[in-house]
Amino acid sequence: MEQQGKKITHAAVARTAGVSTWLTYTEGIREHIEAAQQRQHPTIPPPAQTRSTTATLRTELELARQEIRSLRQDRERMRQVIQHQLGQQLDALDTRHLTERVDELTRTNQRLEDSLQQATDDNHQLHARVTTLETDLAAARTSLRRMIREENTNR
């Protein structure tokens, strides 16, 4: 397979040899297949390729770093915009809620002031009535005493 230029894999070797794939993974056979794979695809590129690959990788790395910086800046700007918008929405909600609460408290306060005024008026009327009744009672007592004295003197 190596001389024919065919790609060497465990499955391809098993098909060619007419054996099970698991057999190609056994010790003694696996090492030969891996060595053939290494010869087909060497892991160390030639020095000229290494230099250009290293330069290319450095360039790509620097570009990736710049893109990451740019994306982080964009993310931070977007986060600030979202925070600002959420803050405004919360302020609007809180203001509306507070305004409604102030209106409710104002109405309740007015009802309580009206009740207080009514109670004060009722209190003044009752106080005047008590004063009148006390005067009438005092007059009735005086009159009763006079009648009792007259009755006692007439006897």
Protein backbone atom coordinates (compact mmCIF):
# COMPACT_ATOMS: atom_id res chain seq x y z
CA MET A 1 0.00 0.00 0.00
CA GLU A 2 2.85 2.37 0.81
CA GLN A 3 4.56 1.77 -2.52
CA GLN A 4 1.29 2.23 -4.40
CA GLY A 5 0.75 5.59 -2.64
CA LYS A 6 -2.47 4.49 -1.00
CA LYS A 7 -3.42 6.08 2.29
CA ILE A 8 -2.54 3.80 5.16
CA THR A 9 -5.16 3.41 7.84
CA HIS A 10 -6.04 0.51 10.15
CA ALA A 11 -9.29 -0.05 8.25
CA ALA A 12 -7.55 0.01 4.85
CA VAL A 13 -4.89 -2.46 6.02
CA ALA A 14 -7.60 -4.76 7.44
CA ARG A 15 -9.55 -4.68 4.14
CA THR A 16 -6.44 -5.33 2.08
CA ALA A 17 -5.29 -8.19 4.32
CA GLY A 18 -8.83 -9.57 4.67
CA VAL A 19 -8.69 -9.52 8.48
CA SER A 20 -10.63 -7.86 11.27
CA THR A 21 -9.81 -4.25 12.14
CA TRP A 22 -9.17 -5.13 15.78
CA LEU A 23 -6.29 -7.32 14.64
CA THR A 24 -4.54 -4.28 13.15
CA TYR A 25 -4.51 -2.67 16.62
CA THR A 26 -2.74 -5.57 18.29
CA GLU A 27 0.83 -5.23 19.46
CA GLY A 28 3.35 -5.99 16.73
CA ILE A 29 1.05 -5.00 13.88
CA ARG A 30 -0.01 -1.60 15.19
CA GLU A 31 3.63 -0.38 15.34
CA HIS A 32 4.22 -1.28 11.67
CA ILE A 33 1.06 0.53 10.56
CA GLU A 34 1.98 3.64 12.58
CA ALA A 35 5.52 3.64 11.14
CA ALA A 36 4.09 3.46 7.59
CA GLN A 37 1.71 6.34 8.43
CA GLN A 38 4.65 8.40 9.70
CA ARG A 39 6.56 7.77 6.48
CA GLN A 40 3.53 8.87 4.46
CA HIS A 41 2.93 12.00 6.53
CA PRO A 42 6.07 13.13 8.30
CA THR A 43 5.33 15.27 11.36
CA ILE A 44 8.38 17.54 10.96
CA PRO A 45 8.09 19.75 7.90
CA PRO A 46 11.16 20.79 5.95
CA PRO A 47 13.02 23.86 7.35
CA ALA A 48 11.79 26.25 4.61
CA GLN A 49 8.20 25.32 5.36
CA THR A 50 8.86 25.75 9.08
CA ARG A 51 10.05 29.33 8.66
CA SER A 52 7.11 30.35 6.53
CA THR A 53 4.68 28.48 8.77
CA THR A 54 6.15 30.10 11.88
CA ALA A 55 5.89 33.56 10.33
CA THR A 56 2.39 32.84 9.15
CA LEU A 57 1.40 31.57 12.57
CA ARG A 58 2.88 34.64 14.26
CA THR A 59 0.98 36.90 11.89
CA GLU A 60 -2.24 34.97 12.44
CA LEU A 61 -1.65 35.05 16.20
CA GLU A 62 -1.19 38.83 16.17
CA LEU A 63 -4.31 39.27 14.03
CA ALA A 64 -6.25 37.03 16.39
CA ARG A 65 -5.03 39.06 19.38
CA GLN A 66 -6.10 42.31 17.71
CA GLU A 67 -9.51 40.84 16.91
CA ILE A 68 -9.87 39.64 20.51
CA ARG A 69 -9.04 43.16 21.80
CA SER A 70 -11.55 44.67 19.40
CA LEU A 71 -14.25 42.17 20.41
CA ARG A 72 -13.59 42.81 24.10
CA GLN A 73 -13.91 46.56 23.54
CA ASP A 74 -17.16 46.03 21.61
CA ARG A 75 -18.47 43.77 24.36
CA GLU A 76 -17.62 46.38 27.02
CA ARG A 77 -19.31 49.15 25.03
CA MET A 78 -22.41 47.01 24.55
CA ARG A 79 -22.45 46.11 28.24
CA GLN A 80 -22.33 49.81 29.18
CA VAL A 81 -25.12 50.66 26.72
CA ILE A 82 -27.29 47.84 28.08
CA GLN A 83 -26.61 48.87 31.68
CA HIS A 84 -27.53 52.46 30.83
CA GLN A 85 -30.76 51.40 29.11
CA LEU A 86 -31.72 49.08 31.95
CA GLY A 87 -31.02 51.85 34.44
CA GLN A 88 -33.29 54.21 32.54
CA GLN A 89 -36.03 51.57 32.38
CA LEU A 90 -35.72 50.92 36.11
CA ASP A 91 -35.80 54.66 36.81
CA ALA A 92 -38.92 55.01 34.68
CA LEU A 93 -40.58 52.07 36.42
CA ASP A 94 -39.62 53.30 39.87
CA THR A 95 -40.76 56.85 39.08
CA ARG A 96 -44.12 55.63 37.85
CA HIS A 97 -44.51 53.35 40.84
CA LEU A 98 -43.48 56.09 43.25
CA THR A 99 -45.83 58.58 41.60
CA GLU A 100 -48.72 56.13 41.96
CA ARG A 101 -47.78 55.50 45.59
CA VAL A 102 -47.58 59.24 46.34
CA ASP A 103 -51.00 59.76 44.74
CA GLU A 104 -52.45 56.92 46.79
CA LEU A 105 -50.95 58.29 50.00
CA THR A 106 -52.24 61.78 49.17
CA ARG A 107 -55.79 60.42 48.71
CA THR A 108 -55.53 58.45 51.95
CA ASN A 109 -54.22 61.53 53.77
CA GLN A 110 -57.11 63.61 52.44
CA ARG A 111 -59.64 61.00 53.60
CA LEU A 112 -58.02 60.96 57.04
CA GLU A 113 -58.03 64.76 57.23
CA ASP A 114 -61.73 64.77 56.27
CA SER A 115 -62.45 62.15 58.94
CA LEU A 116 -60.49 64.16 61.49
CA GLN A 117 -62.39 67.32 60.60
CA GLN A 118 -65.71 65.47 60.89
CA ALA A 119 -64.69 64.00 64.25
CA THR A 120 -63.56 67.43 65.47
CA ASP A 121 -66.88 68.99 64.39
CA ASP A 122 -68.81 66.16 66.06
CA ASN A 123 -66.70 66.62 69.19
CA HIS A 124 -67.46 70.39 69.32
CA GLN A 125 -71.19 69.72 68.86
CA LEU A 126 -71.18 67.06 71.56
CA HIS A 127 -69.21 69.32 73.89
CA ALA A 128 -71.73 72.12 73.35
CA ARG A 129 -74.57 69.65 73.96
CA VAL A 130 -72.89 68.41 77.17
CA THR A 131 -72.51 72.00 78.36
CA THR A 132 -76.17 72.69 77.63
CA LEU A 133 -77.24 69.49 79.38
CA GLU A 134 -75.04 70.29 82.41
CA THR A 135 -76.65 73.74 82.60
CA ASP A 136 -80.12 72.21 82.33
CA LEU A 137 -79.21 69.63 84.98
CA ALA A 138 -77.90 72.27 87.32
CA ALA A 139 -81.09 74.30 86.80
CA ALA A 140 -83.23 71.19 87.39
CA ARG A 141 -81.36 70.43 90.62
CA THR A 142 -81.76 73.98 91.80
CA SER A 143 -85.45 73.86 90.94
CA LEU A 144 -85.82 70.51 92.65
CA ARG A 145 -84.14 71.76 95.81
CA ARG A 146 -86.41 74.77 95.84
CA MET A 147 -89.46 72.57 95.46
CA ILE A 148 -88.28 70.25 98.23
CA ARG A 149 -87.69 73.23 100.56
CA GLU A 150 -91.09 74.67 99.79
CA GLU A 151 -92.68 71.33 100.38
CA ASN A 152 -90.84 70.93 103.67
CA THR A 153 -91.80 74.45 104.82
CA ASN A 154 -95.45 73.90 103.91
CA ARG A 155 -95.71 70.90 106.10
